[in-house]
Amino acid sequence: MTNDNLPRGWSRRSVLTGATALGAAGMAGSLPMVGRAFAQDNALSFWQFYAPGGDVKTQVDWFVKMVEDWNAGNDPKVNLEYVVGSEYISGTKLATSFASGQGPDIFIISPGDFLRYYNGGVLADLTPHIEEAAQKDFPQSVIANRMVDGKIYGVPMEVEPMAFYYSVKAFEDAGLNENDVPKTWDELLELGKKLTTGERYGLQFETGPGYYQNFTWYPFMWQGGGDFQTADGKSAFDSPATVQALKLWQDAINTGAAPRQMLGGGGGDIVANLGSGYCAMQNVGIWGISAMDNNAPDVPYGIFKLPVPNGGKYVTVGGGWAFVANAKGKNPEAASKFIAWALASMVPDSIQRVVDWCTVAKSDMPPRDSALEKGGDAFNKGKMGIFSKEIHPGTRAEPRVPPEVYKIISDAIQATQLGGADPQATATAASQQLDAFLANYKGAPIL
C-alpha cells in the first residue's frame, strides 16, 4: 500500500479532520505559534515544540545548531517554527493545518499518531534518501512502526522507555531505601498508600486523556499477556489482562494513593510533580533524568522498572518522536533530504547529532546502533545505566493505531480510572467498539 492509495471513500480532509475531532477532545481551541527562526519565501517550514521558543536551552540549542548547519551549505533553507507543546501534542493545530492544505514541510510525530498522517496521504517516502547502511543502523524494533511495505516514512530521533521515579526523601522519611522499591503491582499500591500523607500523594499515573496516557498505560496491559488486537485483526481488548490493568489504575485513585489532577505539564512533567513533592513515586519516561538534573538538581531521586502483576512478565513501552516530511509540501524531496542528512546518514556528524540529542539535549536511548556505540559510557553509567541495563531491555515499541482505536482505548481508561466504571464491563464494551471499527479498517497495518 502506498501513501497515495487512500482507502475507498476516504479523503485527506476527512481522515485528518475526523482524526482531529477524535484526538483533540477536551481542547478549547488552538494556541498560536509563538516562535519562528527567520522568514524566507522558499524556506521549508519545520514545526515542532522545541525551538526557537522552548524553555529548555539544551534542546533549543540542538535544534538551532542543526538548522544553522544545514542552512550554511544547502538550499532551500529550513525555518524552525515553534508550536506550544500542549497544543502540538494534544491540540488541533497540526492536524487542521493539513486539512486546510497549509501543513508544514517538516514536522515531528510519535508512533501513536503515525497512521493519522500516513492514512491521510501526507507522509513522504524517505527511503530513497537514506543509504542502505543507515537503514540497517536502525533496529527493527525502533523503525518498524515508521514503515509501510518496507518503506521508511519517519526517522526517529530517540527511544523513550517508561519507568518509575521515586523521591529519596519520601522513602527515607518512611524508613525505606532503594531495597524497598516495589516489584509487584500489589507492592506498588501498598507502598503508594504508605507514602501518602496530608501533603503528598504516594503514587502518580497520568490522568489526562490523550495519546500520552494511552502510551503509558499499554505496558500494564501487556504485562498480563494482553493486547488490543489479535494477529488476524480482531479485538483482543476483552481479556483478564486488560481488566486488571484498568483496575490497577482505578484502585490507585480510589484508595487515595494517586491524584486525579496533575501539576505543571501533566503526568510527564516530573519536576512539577515528583520534584515539587506532590507525589513520592511517578510513572514517567527516561526524559525525567535530564529534567530533574537540570531543573531540580537538589532533589535526590531514584529509579525502578515497572512492577509486574502476579504471574505476569516484565515489559515496558518505548516511544519517541520522529522527523517526517510533508508529501504535499513546497519541496518534499528537499525536506526528505534534510531529514536523512540530520538523523539518518552514516556521516559522523549525523551520528553525533543523535548522540548529542540523547545525552546533552535530553536523556534518551538512541534509535541507532552506531549512536549507542559512539555514546559509550554516557548510556551505561549512572541513572542512564539503570535504563540501558535494567529497563530498556524489556522495551516494546509504542503501538501505532488509527485515531478511532486510540479514542476507544482512551475512553475506556478514562471511564474506569476517573469515572468509576466497572473494568470488566468497560473492557467488554470497548472491545465491541474495536471489533466494529477493525472489521472495516483498510488503512496501513496497525502495529
Protein backbone atom coordinates (compact mmCIF):
# COMPACT_ATOMS: atom_id res chain seq x y z
CA MET A 1 0.00 0.00 0.00
CA THR A 2 1.49 3.35 -0.99
CA ASN A 3 0.98 6.65 0.76
CA ASP A 4 -1.23 7.92 -2.05
CA ASN A 5 -3.59 4.93 -2.10
CA LEU A 6 -6.15 6.03 0.46
CA PRO A 7 -8.91 3.59 1.46
CA ARG A 8 -12.04 3.90 -0.66
CA GLY A 9 -14.30 6.70 0.47
CA TRP A 10 -11.59 8.45 2.50
CA SER A 11 -10.19 11.82 1.56
CA ARG A 12 -7.17 13.56 3.00
CA ARG A 13 -9.51 16.13 4.54
CA SER A 14 -11.89 13.55 6.04
CA VAL A 15 -9.08 11.49 7.53
CA LEU A 16 -7.31 14.42 9.14
CA THR A 17 -10.30 16.43 10.30
CA GLY A 18 -12.05 13.32 11.59
CA ALA A 19 -8.93 12.31 13.43
CA THR A 20 -8.63 15.77 14.88
CA ALA A 21 -12.09 15.61 16.37
CA LEU A 22 -11.27 12.27 17.94
CA GLY A 23 -7.76 13.05 19.09
CA ALA A 24 -8.25 16.53 20.46
CA ALA A 25 -11.12 16.01 22.88
CA GLY A 26 -11.02 18.45 25.71
CA MET A 27 -9.09 21.16 23.89
CA ALA A 28 -10.79 24.52 23.87
CA GLY A 29 -9.06 25.77 20.73
CA SER A 30 -5.76 26.40 19.10
CA LEU A 31 -2.92 28.35 20.60
CA PRO A 32 -0.77 30.44 18.31
CA MET A 33 2.71 29.55 17.23
CA VAL A 34 4.98 31.67 19.30
CA GLY A 35 8.39 31.34 17.69
CA ARG A 36 9.91 31.50 14.24
CA ALA A 37 13.62 31.39 13.48
CA PHE A 38 13.52 33.51 10.31
CA ALA A 39 11.40 34.06 7.22
CA GLN A 40 12.29 33.23 3.60
CA ASP A 41 9.87 32.73 0.75
CA ASN A 42 11.08 29.29 -0.34
CA ALA A 43 12.26 28.09 3.09
CA LEU A 44 10.97 24.77 4.34
CA SER A 45 8.86 25.17 7.48
CA PHE A 46 9.73 22.81 10.33
CA TRP A 47 7.07 22.60 13.03
CA GLN A 48 7.94 21.16 16.43
CA PHE A 49 7.65 22.09 20.12
CA TYR A 50 11.32 22.64 20.98
CA ALA A 51 12.77 25.70 19.22
CA PRO A 52 13.25 28.55 18.95
CA GLY A 53 10.70 29.31 21.67
CA GLY A 54 11.20 26.35 24.00
CA ASP A 55 12.25 26.73 27.61
CA VAL A 56 14.94 24.01 27.70
CA LYS A 57 18.14 25.65 26.47
CA THR A 58 19.98 22.45 25.55
CA GLN A 59 17.10 21.38 23.31
CA VAL A 60 16.71 24.80 21.73
CA ASP A 61 20.44 24.89 21.05
CA TRP A 62 20.42 21.44 19.43
CA PHE A 63 17.63 22.33 17.00
CA VAL A 64 19.04 25.75 16.19
CA LYS A 65 22.54 24.38 15.51
CA MET A 66 21.19 21.57 13.35
CA VAL A 67 19.27 24.02 11.16
CA GLU A 68 22.13 26.51 11.05
CA ASP A 69 24.49 23.76 9.88
CA TRP A 70 22.08 22.75 7.13
CA ASN A 71 21.35 26.30 6.04
CA ALA A 72 25.06 27.12 5.80
CA GLY A 73 25.51 24.86 2.80
CA ASN A 74 22.11 23.94 1.40
CA ASP A 75 19.10 25.38 -0.42
CA PRO A 76 16.26 25.64 0.22
CA LYS A 77 16.81 26.74 3.80
CA VAL A 78 14.90 25.30 6.75
CA ASN A 79 12.88 27.60 9.02
CA LEU A 80 12.18 26.44 12.58
CA GLU A 81 8.65 27.21 13.71
CA TYR A 82 7.81 26.61 17.35
CA VAL A 83 4.36 25.45 18.50
CA VAL A 84 3.50 25.38 22.19
CA GLY A 85 3.98 21.81 23.42
CA SER A 86 0.49 21.25 24.82
CA GLU A 87 -1.07 22.49 21.59
CA TYR A 88 1.26 20.45 19.38
CA ILE A 89 0.74 17.21 21.30
CA SER A 90 -2.90 17.41 22.37
CA GLY A 91 -4.36 20.23 20.32
CA THR A 92 -5.71 20.61 16.81
CA LYS A 93 -3.23 22.96 15.11
CA LEU A 94 -1.12 20.35 13.31
CA ALA A 95 -3.95 18.18 12.00
CA THR A 96 -6.12 21.12 10.97
CA SER A 97 -3.20 22.71 9.13
CA PHE A 98 -3.13 19.69 6.85
CA ALA A 99 -6.89 19.59 6.48
CA SER A 100 -6.70 23.16 5.16
CA GLY A 101 -3.77 22.41 2.87
CA GLN A 102 -1.36 24.53 4.93
CA GLY A 103 0.65 21.82 6.67
CA PRO A 104 4.36 22.30 7.46
CA ASP A 105 7.03 20.89 5.15
CA ILE A 106 8.76 19.05 8.01
CA PHE A 107 7.27 18.09 11.36
CA ILE A 108 7.60 15.53 14.14
CA ILE A 109 5.14 12.81 15.14
CA SER A 110 5.00 9.97 17.66
CA PRO A 111 4.22 6.36 16.65
CA GLY A 112 0.75 6.72 18.17
CA ASP A 113 -0.13 9.38 15.60
CA PHE A 114 1.64 7.86 12.58
CA LEU A 115 -1.45 6.36 10.96
CA ARG A 116 -3.39 9.62 11.18
CA TYR A 117 -0.90 11.19 8.77
CA TYR A 118 0.08 8.15 6.72
CA ASN A 119 -3.53 7.22 6.02
CA GLY A 120 -4.16 10.90 5.36
CA GLY A 121 -1.73 10.73 2.45
CA VAL A 122 0.67 13.40 3.67
CA LEU A 123 3.84 11.47 4.61
CA ALA A 124 6.68 11.39 2.08
CA ASP A 125 8.70 8.24 1.45
CA LEU A 126 12.15 8.93 2.90
CA THR A 127 13.73 5.64 1.80
CA PRO A 128 15.40 6.86 -1.42
CA HIS A 129 17.39 9.42 0.56
CA ILE A 130 18.68 7.04 3.26
CA GLU A 131 21.65 4.87 2.34
CA GLU A 132 21.33 1.14 2.99
CA ALA A 133 23.91 1.10 5.79
CA ALA A 134 21.97 3.80 7.64
CA GLN A 135 18.69 1.96 7.17
CA LYS A 136 20.23 -1.09 8.83
CA ASP A 137 21.57 1.09 11.65
CA PHE A 138 18.02 1.48 12.98
CA PRO A 139 16.89 -1.71 14.78
CA GLN A 140 13.60 -3.12 13.53
CA SER A 141 12.12 -2.69 16.98
CA VAL A 142 12.64 1.06 16.56
CA ILE A 143 11.94 1.70 12.87
CA ALA A 144 9.14 -0.82 12.11
CA ASN A 145 6.31 1.39 13.33
CA ARG A 146 7.52 4.15 10.98
CA MET A 147 7.50 1.86 7.94
CA VAL A 148 4.88 0.62 5.49
CA ASP A 149 5.59 -2.02 2.83
CA GLY A 150 9.31 -1.82 3.53
CA LYS A 151 9.48 1.95 3.04
CA ILE A 152 10.52 4.45 5.72
CA TYR A 153 8.15 7.36 6.37
CA GLY A 154 9.65 8.68 9.59
CA VAL A 155 13.14 8.83 11.12
CA PRO A 156 13.17 8.51 14.93
CA MET A 157 15.34 10.81 16.99
CA GLU A 158 15.05 8.91 20.29
CA VAL A 159 13.66 5.92 22.19
CA GLU A 160 11.90 6.74 25.46
CA PRO A 161 11.10 3.77 27.73
CA MET A 162 8.83 4.24 30.74
CA ALA A 163 9.72 3.51 34.38
CA PHE A 164 9.03 4.78 37.90
CA TYR A 165 10.93 7.51 39.71
CA TYR A 166 10.84 7.87 43.48
CA SER A 167 11.70 10.58 45.96
CA VAL A 168 14.64 9.54 48.14
CA LYS A 169 13.44 11.88 50.89
CA ALA A 170 9.94 10.39 50.89
CA PHE A 171 11.43 6.91 51.15
CA GLU A 172 13.79 7.90 53.94
CA ASP A 173 11.02 9.64 55.89
CA ALA A 174 9.10 6.35 55.78
CA GLY A 175 12.14 4.34 56.88
CA LEU A 176 12.70 2.91 53.39
CA ASN A 177 15.61 2.72 50.98
CA GLU A 178 16.40 1.53 47.44
CA ASN A 179 15.95 -2.09 48.51
CA ASP A 180 12.28 -1.41 49.22
CA VAL A 181 11.20 -0.46 45.69
CA PRO A 182 8.11 -2.45 44.69
CA LYS A 183 8.44 -5.45 42.40
CA THR A 184 4.74 -6.28 42.02
CA TRP A 185 1.53 -4.31 41.47
CA ASP A 186 0.30 -5.22 44.94
CA GLU A 187 3.51 -3.89 46.48
CA LEU A 188 3.23 -0.73 44.35
CA LEU A 189 -0.28 0.02 45.62
CA GLU A 190 0.58 -0.76 49.22
CA LEU A 191 3.68 1.41 49.10
CA GLY A 192 1.69 4.15 47.40
CA LYS A 193 -0.77 4.16 50.28
CA LYS A 194 2.04 4.10 52.84
CA LEU A 195 3.79 7.08 51.27
CA THR A 196 0.60 9.14 51.03
CA THR A 197 0.34 11.96 53.56
CA GLY A 198 -1.81 15.04 54.01
CA GLU A 199 0.58 16.98 51.79
CA ARG A 200 1.72 14.34 49.30
CA TYR A 201 0.39 11.52 47.16
CA GLY A 202 2.28 8.26 47.24
CA LEU A 203 1.87 7.32 43.59
CA GLN A 204 1.08 9.01 40.29
CA PHE A 205 -0.22 7.85 36.92
CA GLU A 206 -1.24 10.15 34.09
CA THR A 207 -4.92 11.12 34.37
CA GLY A 208 -5.34 13.42 31.36
CA PRO A 209 -6.80 11.81 28.23
CA GLY A 210 -4.54 11.74 25.19
CA TYR A 211 -2.02 9.71 23.23
CA TYR A 212 0.44 10.09 26.08
CA GLN A 213 -1.89 8.50 28.62
CA ASN A 214 -2.56 5.55 26.31
CA PHE A 215 1.19 5.20 25.74
CA THR A 216 1.87 4.99 29.48
CA TRP A 217 -0.98 2.52 30.10
CA TYR A 218 -0.13 -0.04 27.40
CA PRO A 219 2.67 -1.87 29.28
CA PHE A 220 0.35 -2.63 32.20
CA MET A 221 -1.96 -4.42 29.75
CA TRP A 222 0.96 -6.20 28.07
CA GLN A 223 2.46 -7.41 31.35
CA GLY A 224 -0.51 -9.71 31.89
CA GLY A 225 -0.31 -11.05 28.35
CA GLY A 226 -2.98 -8.76 26.94
CA ASP A 227 -3.23 -6.70 23.77
CA PHE A 228 -5.84 -4.66 21.93
CA GLN A 229 -5.71 -6.63 18.67
CA THR A 230 -5.23 -10.25 17.64
CA ALA A 231 -2.90 -11.39 14.87
CA ASP A 232 -5.86 -11.65 12.49
CA GLY A 233 -7.02 -8.08 13.12
CA LYS A 234 -9.81 -8.64 15.63
CA SER A 235 -10.17 -7.05 19.04
CA ALA A 236 -8.34 -8.69 21.94
CA PHE A 237 -9.27 -5.97 24.42
CA ASP A 238 -11.83 -8.00 26.40
CA SER A 239 -9.29 -10.02 28.39
CA PRO A 240 -8.31 -10.55 32.03
CA ALA A 241 -5.06 -8.68 31.32
CA THR A 242 -6.95 -5.59 30.14
CA VAL A 243 -9.35 -5.74 33.06
CA GLN A 244 -6.62 -5.96 35.69
CA ALA A 245 -4.66 -3.10 34.08
CA LEU A 246 -7.75 -0.88 34.13
CA LYS A 247 -8.41 -1.90 37.72
CA LEU A 248 -4.86 -1.12 38.85
CA TRP A 249 -5.12 2.48 37.71
CA GLN A 250 -8.62 2.73 39.17
CA ASP A 251 -7.52 1.32 42.52
CA ALA A 252 -4.67 3.82 42.73
CA ILE A 253 -7.23 6.64 42.53
CA ASN A 254 -9.92 5.03 44.69
CA THR A 255 -7.53 4.27 47.56
CA GLY A 256 -6.35 7.87 47.61
CA ALA A 257 -2.77 6.85 46.81
CA ALA A 258 -2.80 8.68 43.46
CA PRO A 259 -4.15 12.11 42.49
CA ARG A 260 -6.84 12.92 39.96
CA GLN A 261 -5.08 16.12 38.93
CA MET A 262 -1.52 16.58 37.69
CA LEU A 263 0.64 19.64 38.23
CA GLY A 264 2.60 21.55 35.58
CA GLY A 265 2.55 19.96 32.15
CA GLY A 266 0.85 16.75 33.29
CA GLY A 267 1.95 13.24 34.13
CA GLY A 268 5.09 13.50 32.00
CA ASP A 269 6.30 16.57 33.91
CA ILE A 270 8.44 15.10 36.66
CA VAL A 271 9.80 18.37 38.01
CA ALA A 272 6.36 19.83 38.69
CA ASN A 273 5.11 16.65 40.35
CA LEU A 274 7.75 14.45 41.99
CA GLY A 275 10.28 17.27 42.05
CA SER A 276 7.90 19.57 43.93
CA GLY A 277 6.96 16.93 46.49
CA TYR A 278 3.44 16.49 45.08
CA CYS A 279 3.99 12.73 44.78
CA ALA A 280 6.51 10.21 46.10
CA MET A 281 6.55 7.87 43.07
CA GLN A 282 5.80 8.86 39.49
CA ASN A 283 5.31 6.83 36.33
CA VAL A 284 7.39 8.70 33.75
CA GLY A 285 9.92 8.09 30.99
CA ILE A 286 13.67 8.30 30.59
CA TRP A 287 13.50 12.02 29.81
CA GLY A 288 12.89 12.55 33.52
CA ILE A 289 16.62 12.18 34.19
CA SER A 290 17.63 15.32 32.30
CA ALA A 291 14.53 17.16 33.51
CA MET A 292 15.37 16.52 37.17
CA ASP A 293 19.12 17.01 36.82
CA ASN A 294 18.68 20.34 35.03
CA ASN A 295 15.64 21.76 36.81
CA ALA A 296 15.60 20.13 40.26
CA PRO A 297 19.28 19.32 40.92
CA ASP A 298 18.85 19.49 44.70
CA VAL A 299 16.09 16.86 44.78
CA PRO A 300 17.53 13.34 45.21
CA TYR A 301 15.62 10.65 43.34
CA GLY A 302 15.85 7.02 42.35
CA ILE A 303 14.52 4.90 39.50
CA PHE A 304 12.98 1.43 39.30
CA LYS A 305 11.48 -0.57 36.47
CA LEU A 306 7.75 -1.16 36.18
CA PRO A 307 6.43 -3.67 38.72
CA VAL A 308 4.53 -6.68 37.34
CA PRO A 309 1.22 -8.35 38.22
CA ASN A 310 1.11 -11.76 39.83
CA GLY A 311 2.05 -14.29 37.17
CA GLY A 312 2.96 -11.51 34.74
CA LYS A 313 6.08 -10.71 32.74
CA TYR A 314 8.11 -7.52 32.75
CA VAL A 315 7.67 -5.27 29.73
CA THR A 316 7.76 -1.53 29.25
CA VAL A 317 6.90 0.72 26.33
CA GLY A 318 9.33 2.74 24.25
CA GLY A 319 8.05 5.79 22.44
CA GLY A 320 9.77 8.78 20.95
CA TRP A 321 9.37 11.37 18.22
CA ALA A 322 10.38 11.11 14.57
CA PHE A 323 11.07 13.60 11.78
CA VAL A 324 8.65 13.32 8.85
CA ALA A 325 8.21 15.20 5.56
CA ASN A 326 5.01 16.52 4.01
CA ALA A 327 4.43 14.78 0.67
CA LYS A 328 2.21 17.69 -0.38
CA GLY A 329 4.59 20.42 0.81
CA LYS A 330 6.58 23.02 -1.14
CA ASN A 331 9.52 20.70 -1.81
CA PRO A 332 9.09 17.15 -0.44
CA GLU A 333 12.40 15.98 -1.92
CA ALA A 334 14.39 18.71 -0.19
CA ALA A 335 12.52 18.10 3.07
CA SER A 336 13.32 14.39 2.83
CA LYS A 337 16.99 15.10 2.13
CA PHE A 338 17.16 17.34 5.19
CA ILE A 339 15.74 14.60 7.42
CA ALA A 340 18.16 12.00 6.05
CA TRP A 341 21.08 14.40 6.50
CA ALA A 342 20.05 15.32 10.03
CA LEU A 343 19.31 11.91 11.54
CA ALA A 344 19.90 9.09 9.06
CA SER A 345 23.30 9.47 7.45
CA MET A 346 26.43 7.42 8.15
CA VAL A 347 28.45 10.65 8.16
CA PRO A 348 29.97 11.07 11.65
CA ASP A 349 28.23 14.42 12.21
CA SER A 350 24.81 12.80 11.73
CA ILE A 351 25.58 10.02 14.20
CA GLN A 352 27.00 12.51 16.72
CA ARG A 353 23.89 14.64 16.34
CA VAL A 354 21.79 11.70 17.56
CA VAL A 355 24.21 11.07 20.44
CA ASP A 356 24.06 14.74 21.46
CA TRP A 357 20.27 14.79 21.40
CA CYS A 358 20.06 11.72 23.63
CA THR A 359 22.81 12.70 26.09
CA VAL A 360 23.15 16.50 26.09
CA ALA A 361 19.84 17.96 24.94
CA LYS A 362 17.80 15.23 26.65
CA SER A 363 18.24 11.86 28.36
CA ASP A 364 17.05 9.18 25.92
CA MET A 365 18.11 5.87 24.49
CA PRO A 366 19.41 6.29 20.93
CA PRO A 367 17.45 4.90 17.96
CA ARG A 368 20.64 3.92 16.09
CA ASP A 369 23.17 1.19 16.87
CA SER A 370 26.06 3.44 15.84
CA ALA A 371 24.90 6.18 18.20
CA LEU A 372 24.67 3.72 21.08
CA GLU A 373 28.23 2.60 20.39
CA LYS A 374 29.57 6.12 19.92
CA GLY A 375 27.88 7.39 23.10
CA GLY A 376 29.66 4.74 25.15
CA ASP A 377 29.68 5.47 28.87
CA ALA A 378 27.03 8.17 28.55
CA PHE A 379 24.49 5.38 28.12
CA ASN A 380 26.00 2.92 30.58
CA LYS A 381 26.75 4.88 33.74
CA GLY A 382 24.67 6.43 36.48
CA LYS A 383 20.91 6.66 36.06
CA MET A 384 21.16 6.27 32.29
CA GLY A 385 22.89 2.97 33.04
CA ILE A 386 19.84 1.83 35.03
CA PHE A 387 17.71 2.43 31.98
CA SER A 388 20.08 0.83 29.48
CA LYS A 389 20.80 -2.26 31.60
CA GLU A 390 17.60 -2.88 33.59
CA ILE A 391 14.70 -1.06 31.96
CA HIS A 392 15.33 -0.74 28.22
CA PRO A 393 15.92 -4.48 27.52
CA GLY A 394 12.22 -5.11 28.19
CA THR A 395 11.03 -2.40 25.82
CA ARG A 396 8.22 -2.98 23.34
CA ALA A 397 7.59 -0.34 20.69
CA GLU A 398 4.72 2.09 21.12
CA PRO A 399 1.73 0.87 19.05
CA ARG A 400 0.66 2.81 16.01
CA VAL A 401 -3.11 2.98 15.81
CA PRO A 402 -5.74 4.95 13.90
CA PRO A 403 -7.33 7.83 15.85
CA GLU A 404 -10.53 5.82 16.25
CA VAL A 405 -8.70 2.99 18.04
CA TYR A 406 -6.81 5.47 20.22
CA LYS A 407 -10.11 7.10 21.25
CA ILE A 408 -11.86 3.85 22.17
CA ILE A 409 -8.95 2.83 24.40
CA SER A 410 -8.65 6.32 25.85
CA ASP A 411 -12.34 6.39 26.73
CA ALA A 412 -12.01 3.03 28.50
CA ILE A 413 -9.07 4.25 30.58
CA GLN A 414 -10.84 7.46 31.50
CA ALA A 415 -14.15 5.77 32.34
CA THR A 416 -12.52 3.36 34.78
CA GLN A 417 -9.71 5.48 36.20
CA LEU A 418 -11.72 8.63 36.94
CA GLY A 419 -15.34 7.73 36.21
CA GLY A 420 -15.62 4.70 38.48
CA ALA A 421 -16.89 2.41 35.72
CA ASP A 422 -16.61 -1.36 36.15
CA PRO A 423 -13.36 -2.53 34.46
CA GLN A 424 -14.84 -5.75 33.09
CA ALA A 425 -17.93 -4.12 31.62
CA THR A 426 -15.82 -1.33 30.20
CA ALA A 427 -13.36 -3.73 28.55
CA THR A 428 -16.23 -5.69 27.01
CA ALA A 429 -17.94 -2.61 25.61
CA ALA A 430 -14.67 -1.18 24.27
CA SER A 431 -13.82 -4.50 22.64
CA GLN A 432 -17.13 -4.49 20.81
CA GLN A 433 -16.42 -0.98 19.54
CA LEU A 434 -12.96 -2.03 18.41
CA ASP A 435 -14.32 -5.03 16.54
CA ALA A 436 -16.86 -2.85 14.74
CA PHE A 437 -14.13 -0.47 13.60
CA LEU A 438 -11.47 -3.04 12.78
CA ALA A 439 -13.88 -5.05 10.62
CA ASN A 440 -13.94 -2.22 8.08
CA TYR A 441 -10.48 -0.72 8.53
CA LYS A 442 -8.48 -0.58 5.29
CA GLY A 443 -5.52 1.68 6.13
CA ALA A 444 -1.89 0.77 6.71
CA PRO A 445 -1.29 -2.10 9.14
CA ILE A 446 -1.90 -1.43 12.81
CA LEU A 447 1.19 -2.41 14.79
